[in-house]
């Protein structure tokens, strides 16, 4: 399954920063029950890789990937832990080369047209637009649709339930990334039912 096929599974990819490994499996199960099978675990905490490994092993219906991948070492570690895809906030030539060599579906981040063109030359046509809210948001995506007709984007950063439909209404948006489906307070209290409900609401968002 390539990155475009993975993105097509859900309108919203939950972007999760897990602080307690014990939360990983019940969190993933709640999201899957709500209809969001594709899950991104950011490599921002000391337990991130173990959390990813636990989800890969114990939640077979989840398509779990690693986010905030910054270099080839992290990419390799994530793949060994069971990641089905990798996401980066930006991209370097070394990381792009390592991702291609690994065979792991890869969603690299861009902020500019030039960055998007460089990655398109490498055959990467689905890109993460990050941070979406401060880098131009809907206006940027509308502006690049005509000059970059072969590219699609997964905008991430500052998107919430209120703004998500406007992003998904754009033809060059494949899906969006968001953390609102797993809010900090719900994670702190292990309110899996609330997370399942938020995921279910997000899962109903589709292209018009």
N, C-alpha and C. Protein backbone atom coordinates (compact mmCIF):
# COMPACT_ATOMS: atom_id res chain seq x y z
N UNK A 1 0.85 -1.19 0.00
CA UNK A 1 0.00 0.00 0.00
C UNK A 1 0.89 1.25 0.00
N UNK A 2 0.70 2.13 -1.00
CA UNK A 2 1.53 3.33 -1.04
C UNK A 2 0.87 4.45 -0.22
N UNK A 3 1.54 5.60 -0.15
CA UNK A 3 1.05 6.67 0.72
C UNK A 3 -0.30 7.20 0.27
N UNK A 4 -0.52 7.26 -1.04
CA UNK A 4 -1.81 7.74 -1.53
C UNK A 4 -2.94 6.80 -1.13
N UNK A 5 -2.69 5.51 -1.17
CA UNK A 5 -3.70 4.53 -0.77
C UNK A 5 -3.98 4.62 0.73
N UNK A 6 -2.93 4.84 1.52
CA UNK A 6 -3.11 5.00 2.96
C UNK A 6 -3.94 6.25 3.26
N UNK A 7 -3.62 7.35 2.59
CA UNK A 7 -4.34 8.61 2.80
C UNK A 7 -5.81 8.48 2.41
N UNK A 8 -6.08 7.61 1.44
CA UNK A 8 -7.46 7.45 0.97
C UNK A 8 -8.34 6.69 1.97
N UNK A 9 -7.73 6.08 2.97
CA UNK A 9 -8.50 5.29 3.94
C UNK A 9 -9.31 6.15 4.90
N UNK A 10 -8.83 7.38 5.17
CA UNK A 10 -9.47 8.24 6.17
C UNK A 10 -9.42 9.70 5.71
N UNK A 11 -10.40 10.52 6.12
CA UNK A 11 -10.30 11.94 5.83
C UNK A 11 -9.35 12.67 6.78
N UNK A 12 -9.19 12.11 7.98
CA UNK A 12 -8.35 12.73 9.01
C UNK A 12 -7.38 11.69 9.57
N UNK A 13 -6.10 12.04 9.57
CA UNK A 13 -5.09 11.21 10.23
C UNK A 13 -4.81 11.79 11.61
N UNK A 14 -5.13 11.08 12.69
CA UNK A 14 -4.81 11.59 14.02
C UNK A 14 -3.31 11.70 14.20
N UNK A 15 -2.87 12.85 14.68
CA UNK A 15 -1.45 13.09 14.96
C UNK A 15 -1.29 13.05 16.48
N UNK A 16 -0.63 12.00 16.97
CA UNK A 16 -0.62 11.72 18.40
C UNK A 16 0.77 11.85 19.01
N UNK A 17 0.84 12.53 20.14
CA UNK A 17 2.06 12.58 20.94
C UNK A 17 1.77 11.85 22.24
N UNK A 18 2.30 10.65 22.37
CA UNK A 18 1.97 9.77 23.49
C UNK A 18 3.03 9.89 24.59
N UNK A 19 2.59 10.24 25.77
CA UNK A 19 3.49 10.42 26.92
C UNK A 19 3.60 9.15 27.76
N UNK A 20 2.53 8.34 27.77
CA UNK A 20 2.51 7.11 28.57
C UNK A 20 2.29 5.92 27.65
N UNK A 21 3.20 4.99 27.68
CA UNK A 21 3.09 3.84 26.78
C UNK A 21 1.78 3.08 27.01
N UNK A 22 1.31 3.05 28.26
CA UNK A 22 0.08 2.32 28.57
C UNK A 22 -1.13 2.88 27.83
N UNK A 23 -1.05 4.12 27.38
CA UNK A 23 -2.17 4.73 26.67
C UNK A 23 -2.25 4.28 25.22
N UNK A 24 -1.15 3.78 24.68
CA UNK A 24 -1.05 3.58 23.23
C UNK A 24 -2.13 2.66 22.67
N UNK A 25 -2.25 1.47 23.20
CA UNK A 25 -3.18 0.49 22.63
C UNK A 25 -4.64 0.91 22.82
N UNK A 26 -5.07 1.29 24.04
CA UNK A 26 -6.46 1.72 24.17
C UNK A 26 -6.79 2.95 23.34
N UNK A 27 -5.83 3.86 23.18
CA UNK A 27 -6.05 5.04 22.34
C UNK A 27 -6.25 4.62 20.89
N UNK A 28 -5.39 3.76 20.40
CA UNK A 28 -5.51 3.31 19.02
C UNK A 28 -6.83 2.57 18.80
N UNK A 29 -7.21 1.75 19.75
CA UNK A 29 -8.47 1.00 19.61
C UNK A 29 -9.66 1.94 19.57
N UNK A 30 -9.63 3.00 20.38
CA UNK A 30 -10.73 3.97 20.38
C UNK A 30 -10.82 4.69 19.04
N UNK A 31 -9.68 5.05 18.48
CA UNK A 31 -9.67 5.73 17.18
C UNK A 31 -10.18 4.81 16.07
N UNK A 32 -9.75 3.56 16.10
CA UNK A 32 -10.19 2.60 15.09
C UNK A 32 -11.69 2.35 15.20
N UNK A 33 -12.19 2.21 16.42
CA UNK A 33 -13.63 2.03 16.62
C UNK A 33 -14.40 3.22 16.07
N UNK A 34 -13.82 4.41 16.19
CA UNK A 34 -14.48 5.60 15.68
C UNK A 34 -14.40 5.73 14.16
N UNK A 35 -13.56 4.93 13.53
CA UNK A 35 -13.47 4.95 12.07
C UNK A 35 -12.20 5.54 11.51
N UNK A 36 -11.24 5.88 12.39
CA UNK A 36 -9.96 6.42 11.91
C UNK A 36 -8.87 5.36 12.07
N UNK A 37 -8.63 4.61 11.01
CA UNK A 37 -7.70 3.48 11.05
C UNK A 37 -6.25 3.92 10.93
N UNK A 38 -6.01 5.03 10.27
CA UNK A 38 -4.64 5.49 10.02
C UNK A 38 -4.22 6.40 11.17
N UNK A 39 -3.10 6.06 11.81
CA UNK A 39 -2.68 6.75 13.03
C UNK A 39 -1.21 7.12 12.92
N UNK A 40 -0.90 8.37 13.23
CA UNK A 40 0.48 8.83 13.23
C UNK A 40 0.96 9.06 14.66
N UNK A 41 2.03 8.35 15.04
CA UNK A 41 2.65 8.53 16.36
C UNK A 41 3.89 9.39 16.18
N UNK A 42 3.89 10.58 16.76
CA UNK A 42 5.05 11.45 16.59
C UNK A 42 6.21 10.97 17.47
N UNK A 43 7.40 11.05 16.90
CA UNK A 43 8.59 10.61 17.65
C UNK A 43 9.13 11.76 18.50
N UNK A 44 8.27 12.24 19.40
CA UNK A 44 8.62 13.39 20.24
C UNK A 44 8.77 13.02 21.71
N UNK A 45 8.53 11.77 22.04
CA UNK A 45 8.64 11.35 23.44
C UNK A 45 9.50 10.10 23.53
N UNK A 46 9.95 9.83 24.73
CA UNK A 46 10.81 8.67 24.95
C UNK A 46 10.10 7.34 24.77
N UNK A 47 8.78 7.35 24.80
CA UNK A 47 8.03 6.09 24.67
C UNK A 47 7.42 5.91 23.28
N UNK A 48 7.71 6.84 22.37
CA UNK A 48 7.02 6.84 21.08
C UNK A 48 7.23 5.55 20.30
N UNK A 49 8.47 5.08 20.21
CA UNK A 49 8.73 3.86 19.44
C UNK A 49 8.08 2.64 20.07
N UNK A 50 8.12 2.55 21.38
CA UNK A 50 7.47 1.41 22.05
C UNK A 50 5.95 1.49 21.89
N UNK A 51 5.41 2.70 21.92
CA UNK A 51 3.97 2.87 21.71
C UNK A 51 3.60 2.42 20.29
N UNK A 52 4.42 2.81 19.33
CA UNK A 52 4.18 2.41 17.94
C UNK A 52 4.24 0.90 17.80
N UNK A 53 5.25 0.30 18.42
CA UNK A 53 5.41 -1.15 18.34
C UNK A 53 4.20 -1.87 18.96
N UNK A 54 3.72 -1.35 20.08
CA UNK A 54 2.58 -1.98 20.75
C UNK A 54 1.33 -1.92 19.88
N UNK A 55 1.10 -0.78 19.25
CA UNK A 55 -0.07 -0.64 18.38
C UNK A 55 0.05 -1.57 17.18
N UNK A 56 1.24 -1.60 16.58
CA UNK A 56 1.45 -2.47 15.42
C UNK A 56 1.20 -3.93 15.77
N UNK A 57 1.55 -4.34 16.97
CA UNK A 57 1.41 -5.74 17.38
C UNK A 57 0.01 -6.09 17.87
N UNK A 58 -0.67 -5.13 18.51
CA UNK A 58 -1.90 -5.44 19.23
C UNK A 58 -3.17 -4.88 18.63
N UNK A 59 -3.04 -3.96 17.65
CA UNK A 59 -4.23 -3.38 17.03
C UNK A 59 -4.13 -3.61 15.52
N UNK A 60 -4.46 -4.82 15.08
CA UNK A 60 -4.23 -5.19 13.68
C UNK A 60 -5.01 -4.36 12.67
N UNK A 61 -6.12 -3.78 13.09
CA UNK A 61 -6.92 -2.98 12.15
C UNK A 61 -6.34 -1.58 11.94
N UNK A 62 -5.39 -1.19 12.77
CA UNK A 62 -4.78 0.13 12.65
C UNK A 62 -3.64 0.11 11.63
N UNK A 63 -3.54 1.19 10.87
CA UNK A 63 -2.40 1.42 9.98
C UNK A 63 -1.57 2.50 10.68
N UNK A 64 -0.56 2.07 11.40
CA UNK A 64 0.17 3.00 12.27
C UNK A 64 1.47 3.43 11.61
N UNK A 65 1.75 4.73 11.72
CA UNK A 65 2.97 5.27 11.16
C UNK A 65 3.70 6.15 12.16
N UNK A 66 4.89 6.56 11.78
CA UNK A 66 5.72 7.41 12.64
C UNK A 66 5.76 8.82 12.09
N UNK A 67 5.56 9.79 12.97
CA UNK A 67 5.65 11.19 12.58
C UNK A 67 6.87 11.86 13.19
N UNK A 68 7.12 13.08 12.75
CA UNK A 68 8.29 13.85 13.18
C UNK A 68 9.58 13.05 12.95
N UNK A 69 9.63 12.37 11.81
CA UNK A 69 10.84 11.64 11.41
C UNK A 69 11.79 12.66 10.78
N UNK A 70 12.98 12.79 11.38
CA UNK A 70 13.91 13.85 10.97
C UNK A 70 15.13 13.35 10.21
N UNK A 71 15.42 12.05 10.31
CA UNK A 71 16.65 11.55 9.68
C UNK A 71 16.52 10.06 9.37
N UNK A 72 17.53 9.52 8.70
CA UNK A 72 17.49 8.13 8.28
C UNK A 72 17.49 7.17 9.46
N UNK A 73 18.17 7.53 10.54
CA UNK A 73 18.21 6.65 11.72
C UNK A 73 16.80 6.48 12.30
N UNK A 74 16.09 7.58 12.46
CA UNK A 74 14.72 7.49 12.99
C UNK A 74 13.81 6.72 12.04
N UNK A 75 14.01 6.92 10.77
CA UNK A 75 13.22 6.19 9.77
C UNK A 75 13.42 4.69 9.93
N UNK A 76 14.66 4.28 10.08
CA UNK A 76 14.99 2.87 10.25
C UNK A 76 14.41 2.31 11.54
N UNK A 77 14.53 3.08 12.62
CA UNK A 77 13.98 2.63 13.91
C UNK A 77 12.47 2.48 13.84
N UNK A 78 11.81 3.42 13.19
CA UNK A 78 10.35 3.36 13.07
C UNK A 78 9.93 2.15 12.25
N UNK A 79 10.63 1.90 11.17
CA UNK A 79 10.29 0.75 10.32
C UNK A 79 10.48 -0.55 11.10
N UNK A 80 11.54 -0.65 11.87
CA UNK A 80 11.78 -1.86 12.67
C UNK A 80 10.71 -2.04 13.74
N UNK A 81 10.15 -0.91 14.23
CA UNK A 81 9.11 -0.98 15.27
C UNK A 81 7.75 -1.35 14.70
N UNK A 82 7.65 -1.39 13.37
CA UNK A 82 6.39 -1.80 12.76
C UNK A 82 5.63 -0.70 12.05
N UNK A 83 6.25 0.46 11.87
CA UNK A 83 5.57 1.56 11.19
C UNK A 83 5.21 1.15 9.76
N UNK A 84 4.01 1.51 9.34
CA UNK A 84 3.55 1.23 7.98
C UNK A 84 3.80 2.41 7.05
N UNK A 85 4.12 3.58 7.63
CA UNK A 85 4.45 4.77 6.85
C UNK A 85 5.22 5.72 7.75
N UNK A 86 5.82 6.74 7.15
CA UNK A 86 6.58 7.74 7.90
C UNK A 86 6.19 9.14 7.42
N UNK A 87 6.22 10.08 8.37
CA UNK A 87 5.85 11.47 8.09
C UNK A 87 6.95 12.37 8.63
N UNK A 88 7.33 13.38 7.85
CA UNK A 88 8.33 14.33 8.34
C UNK A 88 7.76 15.74 8.28
N UNK A 89 8.22 16.64 9.17
CA UNK A 89 7.73 18.03 9.13
C UNK A 89 8.30 18.81 7.96
N UNK A 90 9.46 18.38 7.48
CA UNK A 90 10.12 18.96 6.31
C UNK A 90 10.84 17.83 5.62
N UNK A 91 11.82 18.15 4.79
CA UNK A 91 12.56 17.05 4.16
C UNK A 91 13.95 17.52 3.74
N UNK A 92 14.91 16.63 3.89
CA UNK A 92 16.27 16.86 3.40
C UNK A 92 16.55 15.85 2.29
N UNK A 93 17.54 16.12 1.45
CA UNK A 93 17.89 15.13 0.42
C UNK A 93 18.23 13.76 1.01
N UNK A 94 18.94 13.76 2.14
CA UNK A 94 19.31 12.49 2.77
C UNK A 94 18.11 11.71 3.24
N UNK A 95 17.16 12.39 3.84
CA UNK A 95 15.96 11.71 4.32
C UNK A 95 15.12 11.19 3.15
N UNK A 96 15.00 11.99 2.11
CA UNK A 96 14.24 11.54 0.94
C UNK A 96 14.87 10.31 0.30
N UNK A 97 16.19 10.31 0.23
CA UNK A 97 16.90 9.16 -0.34
C UNK A 97 16.70 7.92 0.52
N UNK A 98 16.81 8.09 1.85
CA UNK A 98 16.63 6.97 2.77
C UNK A 98 15.22 6.42 2.71
N UNK A 99 14.24 7.31 2.59
CA UNK A 99 12.85 6.87 2.53
C UNK A 99 12.60 6.06 1.26
N UNK A 100 13.13 6.53 0.14
CA UNK A 100 12.97 5.79 -1.11
C UNK A 100 13.62 4.42 -1.02
N UNK A 101 14.81 4.38 -0.44
CA UNK A 101 15.54 3.11 -0.33
C UNK A 101 14.82 2.14 0.60
N UNK A 102 14.15 2.66 1.62
CA UNK A 102 13.49 1.80 2.61
C UNK A 102 12.25 1.12 2.05
N UNK A 103 11.63 1.75 1.06
CA UNK A 103 10.37 1.23 0.54
C UNK A 103 9.18 1.58 1.40
N UNK A 104 9.41 2.30 2.50
CA UNK A 104 8.32 2.68 3.41
C UNK A 104 7.55 3.85 2.81
N UNK A 105 6.23 3.78 2.75
CA UNK A 105 5.47 4.93 2.28
C UNK A 105 5.84 6.17 3.08
N UNK A 106 6.03 7.28 2.39
CA UNK A 106 6.62 8.47 3.02
C UNK A 106 5.81 9.71 2.68
N UNK A 107 5.51 10.51 3.71
CA UNK A 107 4.79 11.76 3.56
C UNK A 107 5.69 12.90 4.05
N UNK A 108 6.46 13.52 3.13
CA UNK A 108 7.38 14.57 3.53
C UNK A 108 6.69 15.93 3.61
N UNK A 109 7.18 16.76 4.51
CA UNK A 109 6.57 18.06 4.71
C UNK A 109 7.17 19.14 3.83
N UNK A 110 6.32 20.08 3.40
CA UNK A 110 6.76 21.23 2.61
C UNK A 110 6.05 22.48 3.11
N UNK A 111 6.67 23.62 2.82
CA UNK A 111 6.05 24.92 3.10
C UNK A 111 6.01 25.80 1.87
N UNK A 112 6.83 25.49 0.87
CA UNK A 112 6.95 26.36 -0.30
C UNK A 112 6.75 25.58 -1.59
N UNK A 113 6.51 26.32 -2.68
CA UNK A 113 6.35 25.72 -3.99
C UNK A 113 7.66 25.06 -4.42
N UNK A 114 8.79 25.71 -4.13
CA UNK A 114 10.08 25.14 -4.53
C UNK A 114 10.32 23.80 -3.84
N UNK A 115 10.02 23.72 -2.56
CA UNK A 115 10.19 22.44 -1.84
C UNK A 115 9.30 21.37 -2.46
N UNK A 116 8.09 21.74 -2.81
CA UNK A 116 7.16 20.79 -3.43
C UNK A 116 7.69 20.31 -4.77
N UNK A 117 8.27 21.21 -5.55
CA UNK A 117 8.81 20.85 -6.86
C UNK A 117 10.00 19.91 -6.74
N UNK A 118 10.87 20.17 -5.76
CA UNK A 118 12.04 19.30 -5.55
C UNK A 118 11.59 17.88 -5.23
N UNK A 119 10.59 17.74 -4.37
CA UNK A 119 10.12 16.40 -4.00
C UNK A 119 9.35 15.75 -5.15
N UNK A 120 8.64 16.55 -5.92
CA UNK A 120 7.93 16.00 -7.08
C UNK A 120 8.91 15.40 -8.08
N UNK A 121 10.09 16.02 -8.22
CA UNK A 121 11.12 15.47 -9.11
C UNK A 121 11.58 14.09 -8.66
N UNK A 122 11.45 13.82 -7.36
CA UNK A 122 11.82 12.51 -6.83
C UNK A 122 10.65 11.52 -6.89
N UNK A 123 9.55 11.95 -7.44
CA UNK A 123 8.41 11.06 -7.56
C UNK A 123 7.46 11.08 -6.39
N UNK A 124 7.66 12.03 -5.47
CA UNK A 124 6.79 12.15 -4.30
C UNK A 124 5.69 13.16 -4.63
N UNK A 125 4.48 12.68 -4.80
CA UNK A 125 3.39 13.54 -5.28
C UNK A 125 2.31 13.79 -4.24
N UNK A 126 2.41 13.14 -3.08
CA UNK A 126 1.53 13.45 -1.95
C UNK A 126 2.42 14.01 -0.85
N UNK A 127 2.17 15.25 -0.47
CA UNK A 127 3.05 15.96 0.44
C UNK A 127 2.29 16.50 1.64
N UNK A 128 2.96 16.56 2.76
CA UNK A 128 2.39 17.18 3.95
C UNK A 128 2.63 18.69 3.86
N UNK A 129 1.59 19.49 4.01
CA UNK A 129 1.73 20.95 4.04
C UNK A 129 1.71 21.37 5.51
N UNK A 130 2.88 21.83 5.98
CA UNK A 130 3.04 22.07 7.42
C UNK A 130 3.95 23.27 7.67
N UNK A 131 3.64 24.08 8.70
CA UNK A 131 2.40 24.12 9.48
C UNK A 131 1.31 24.86 8.71
N UNK A 132 0.24 24.19 8.42
CA UNK A 132 -0.76 24.70 7.48
C UNK A 132 -1.31 26.06 7.89
N UNK A 133 -1.65 26.21 9.16
CA UNK A 133 -2.34 27.45 9.55
C UNK A 133 -1.46 28.67 9.43
N UNK A 134 -0.17 28.56 9.72
CA UNK A 134 0.71 29.72 9.68
C UNK A 134 1.47 29.85 8.38
N UNK A 135 1.40 28.87 7.50
CA UNK A 135 2.14 28.91 6.23
C UNK A 135 1.26 29.29 5.05
N UNK A 136 0.05 29.70 5.31
CA UNK A 136 -0.83 30.14 4.23
C UNK A 136 -2.17 29.46 4.18
N UNK A 137 -2.28 28.32 4.83
CA UNK A 137 -3.57 27.65 4.96
C UNK A 137 -4.31 27.41 3.66
N UNK A 138 -5.60 27.68 3.70
CA UNK A 138 -6.45 27.46 2.54
C UNK A 138 -6.01 28.29 1.35
N UNK A 139 -5.58 29.51 1.61
CA UNK A 139 -5.17 30.40 0.51
C UNK A 139 -3.98 29.83 -0.25
N UNK A 140 -3.01 29.29 0.46
CA UNK A 140 -1.84 28.70 -0.19
C UNK A 140 -2.24 27.50 -1.04
N UNK A 141 -3.05 26.64 -0.49
CA UNK A 141 -3.47 25.44 -1.22
C UNK A 141 -4.25 25.79 -2.47
N UNK A 142 -5.11 26.79 -2.38
CA UNK A 142 -5.86 27.22 -3.57
C UNK A 142 -4.92 27.81 -4.61
N UNK A 143 -3.93 28.56 -4.16
CA UNK A 143 -3.03 29.24 -5.08
C UNK A 143 -2.13 28.28 -5.85
N UNK A 144 -1.75 27.16 -5.23
CA UNK A 144 -0.82 26.23 -5.88
C UNK A 144 -1.52 25.16 -6.70
N UNK A 145 -2.84 25.11 -6.63
CA UNK A 145 -3.57 24.04 -7.33
C UNK A 145 -3.32 24.06 -8.83
N UNK A 146 -3.31 25.24 -9.43
CA UNK A 146 -3.12 25.32 -10.89
C UNK A 146 -1.66 25.10 -11.30
N UNK A 147 -0.68 25.76 -10.65
CA UNK A 147 0.70 25.56 -11.07
C UNK A 147 1.29 24.21 -10.69
N UNK A 148 0.70 23.54 -9.71
CA UNK A 148 1.19 22.22 -9.29
C UNK A 148 0.06 21.20 -9.43
N UNK A 149 -0.40 20.96 -10.66
CA UNK A 149 -1.60 20.14 -10.85
C UNK A 149 -1.42 18.68 -10.49
N UNK A 150 -0.19 18.20 -10.48
CA UNK A 150 0.02 16.78 -10.20
C UNK A 150 0.22 16.45 -8.74
N UNK A 151 0.14 17.47 -7.88
CA UNK A 151 0.43 17.24 -6.46
C UNK A 151 -0.83 17.32 -5.61
N UNK A 152 -0.84 16.50 -4.57
CA UNK A 152 -1.90 16.56 -3.56
C UNK A 152 -1.24 16.71 -2.19
N UNK A 153 -2.03 17.20 -1.25
CA UNK A 153 -1.45 17.57 0.04
C UNK A 153 -2.27 17.02 1.21
N UNK A 154 -1.54 16.84 2.32
CA UNK A 154 -2.15 16.53 3.61
C UNK A 154 -1.79 17.69 4.54
N UNK A 155 -2.61 18.75 4.57
CA UNK A 155 -2.31 19.87 5.45
C UNK A 155 -2.43 19.46 6.92
N UNK A 156 -1.47 19.92 7.70
CA UNK A 156 -1.40 19.57 9.12
C UNK A 156 -0.86 20.78 9.88
N UNK A 157 -1.39 21.01 11.07
CA UNK A 157 -0.89 22.09 11.90
C UNK A 157 -1.93 23.18 12.08
N UNK A 158 -2.54 23.20 13.27
CA UNK A 158 -3.53 24.23 13.56
C UNK A 158 -4.91 23.99 13.00
N UNK A 159 -5.14 22.81 12.45
CA UNK A 159 -6.46 22.49 11.90
C UNK A 159 -7.31 21.84 12.98
N UNK A 160 -8.55 22.27 13.08
CA UNK A 160 -9.47 21.70 14.06
C UNK A 160 -10.76 21.26 13.41
N UNK A 161 -11.69 20.82 14.22
CA UNK A 161 -12.96 20.31 13.70
C UNK A 161 -13.70 21.38 12.90
N UNK A 162 -13.56 22.65 13.30
CA UNK A 162 -14.28 23.73 12.62
C UNK A 162 -13.71 24.02 11.23
N UNK A 163 -12.39 23.97 11.10
CA UNK A 163 -11.76 24.33 9.83
C UNK A 163 -11.55 23.13 8.90
N UNK A 164 -11.64 21.93 9.43
CA UNK A 164 -11.39 20.72 8.64
C UNK A 164 -12.24 20.63 7.37
N UNK A 165 -13.55 20.90 7.42
CA UNK A 165 -14.36 20.75 6.20
C UNK A 165 -13.88 21.64 5.06
N UNK A 166 -13.43 22.86 5.36
CA UNK A 166 -12.98 23.77 4.31
C UNK A 166 -11.73 23.23 3.62
N UNK A 167 -10.84 22.61 4.38
CA UNK A 167 -9.65 22.00 3.78
C UNK A 167 -10.03 20.81 2.91
N UNK A 168 -10.90 19.97 3.42
CA UNK A 168 -11.28 18.76 2.69
C UNK A 168 -12.11 19.07 1.44
N UNK A 169 -12.63 20.29 1.35
CA UNK A 169 -13.40 20.68 0.17
C UNK A 169 -12.50 20.96 -1.03
N UNK A 170 -11.19 21.11 -0.80
CA UNK A 170 -10.26 21.42 -1.87
C UNK A 170 -9.86 20.14 -2.62
N UNK A 171 -9.82 20.22 -3.94
CA UNK A 171 -9.53 19.05 -4.76
C UNK A 171 -8.10 18.55 -4.57
N UNK A 172 -7.18 19.44 -4.22
CA UNK A 172 -5.78 19.00 -4.06
C UNK A 172 -5.45 18.60 -2.63
N UNK A 173 -6.45 18.43 -1.80
CA UNK A 173 -6.26 17.92 -0.43
C UNK A 173 -6.73 16.47 -0.38
N UNK A 174 -5.80 15.58 -0.06
CA UNK A 174 -6.13 14.15 0.01
C UNK A 174 -6.75 13.78 1.35
N UNK A 175 -6.20 14.38 2.41
CA UNK A 175 -6.67 14.15 3.77
C UNK A 175 -6.04 15.25 4.60
N UNK A 176 -6.34 15.29 5.89
CA UNK A 176 -5.72 16.27 6.77
C UNK A 176 -5.19 15.56 8.01
N UNK A 177 -4.20 16.19 8.65
CA UNK A 177 -3.69 15.67 9.90
C UNK A 177 -4.17 16.55 11.04
N UNK A 178 -4.55 15.94 12.15
CA UNK A 178 -5.05 16.74 13.27
C UNK A 178 -4.92 16.03 14.60
N UNK A 179 -4.74 16.82 15.62
CA UNK A 179 -4.62 16.26 16.97
C UNK A 179 -5.89 16.45 17.79
N UNK A 180 -6.88 17.15 17.23
CA UNK A 180 -8.07 17.45 18.03
C UNK A 180 -8.88 16.21 18.39
N UNK A 181 -8.68 15.12 17.66
CA UNK A 181 -9.46 13.91 17.95
C UNK A 181 -8.97 13.20 19.21
N UNK A 182 -7.81 13.60 19.71
CA UNK A 182 -7.29 13.01 20.96
C UNK A 182 -6.78 14.14 21.85
N UNK A 183 -7.69 14.94 22.40
CA UNK A 183 -7.28 16.10 23.20
C UNK A 183 -6.54 15.70 24.48
N UNK A 184 -5.70 16.61 24.93
CA UNK A 184 -4.87 16.33 26.11
C UNK A 184 -5.68 15.93 27.33
N UNK A 185 -6.81 16.61 27.56
CA UNK A 185 -7.59 16.30 28.76
C UNK A 185 -8.17 14.90 28.70
N UNK A 186 -8.60 14.48 27.51
CA UNK A 186 -9.14 13.13 27.36
C UNK A 186 -8.06 12.08 27.56
N UNK A 187 -6.85 12.36 27.05
CA UNK A 187 -5.73 11.44 27.27
C UNK A 187 -5.36 11.37 28.74
N UNK A 188 -5.36 12.51 29.40
CA UNK A 188 -4.97 12.55 30.81
C UNK A 188 -5.90 11.73 31.68
N UNK A 189 -7.19 11.74 31.32
CA UNK A 189 -8.18 11.01 32.12
C UNK A 189 -8.53 9.65 31.51
N UNK A 190 -7.84 9.31 30.42
CA UNK A 190 -8.09 8.05 29.71
C UNK A 190 -9.57 7.90 29.34
N UNK A 191 -10.12 9.00 28.82
CA UNK A 191 -11.52 9.01 28.39
C UNK A 191 -11.59 8.52 26.95
N UNK A 192 -11.50 7.21 26.79
CA UNK A 192 -11.46 6.61 25.45
C UNK A 192 -12.79 6.78 24.72
N UNK A 193 -13.89 6.86 25.47
CA UNK A 193 -15.20 7.04 24.83
C UNK A 193 -15.28 8.41 24.15
N UNK A 194 -14.76 9.45 24.82
CA UNK A 194 -14.76 10.77 24.21
C UNK A 194 -13.92 10.77 22.92
N UNK A 195 -12.78 10.12 22.98
CA UNK A 195 -11.91 10.05 21.80
C UNK A 195 -12.59 9.27 20.68
N UNK A 196 -13.26 8.20 21.01
CA UNK A 196 -14.00 7.44 20.00
C UNK A 196 -15.07 8.30 19.34
N UNK A 197 -15.77 9.11 20.14
CA UNK A 197 -16.81 9.98 19.59
C UNK A 197 -16.21 11.06 18.68
N UNK A 198 -15.10 11.64 19.10
CA UNK A 198 -14.44 12.65 18.27
C UNK A 198 -13.94 12.03 16.95
N UNK A 199 -13.41 10.81 17.05
CA UNK A 199 -12.96 10.12 15.86
C UNK A 199 -14.13 9.82 14.92
N UNK A 200 -15.24 9.41 15.48
CA UNK A 200 -16.42 9.09 14.67
C UNK A 200 -16.90 10.32 13.92
N UNK A 201 -16.88 11.47 14.59
CA UNK A 201 -17.27 12.72 13.94
C UNK A 201 -16.32 13.08 12.82
N UNK A 202 -15.03 12.91 13.09
CA UNK A 202 -14.01 13.22 12.08
C UNK A 202 -14.10 12.27 10.88
N UNK A 203 -14.44 11.03 11.15
CA UNK A 203 -14.50 10.03 10.09
C UNK A 203 -15.64 10.31 9.09
N UNK A 204 -16.61 11.11 9.50
CA UNK A 204 -17.73 11.42 8.59
C UNK A 204 -17.37 12.55 7.63
N UNK A 205 -16.26 13.25 7.87
CA UNK A 205 -15.86 14.34 7.00
C UNK A 205 -15.31 13.77 5.70
N UNK A 206 -15.91 14.14 4.61
CA UNK A 206 -15.48 13.62 3.31
C UNK A 206 -15.41 14.77 2.31
N UNK A 207 -14.78 14.50 1.17
CA UNK A 207 -14.82 15.48 0.10
C UNK A 207 -16.26 15.63 -0.39
N UNK A 208 -16.70 16.86 -0.61
CA UNK A 208 -18.09 17.05 -1.06
C UNK A 208 -18.31 16.51 -2.47
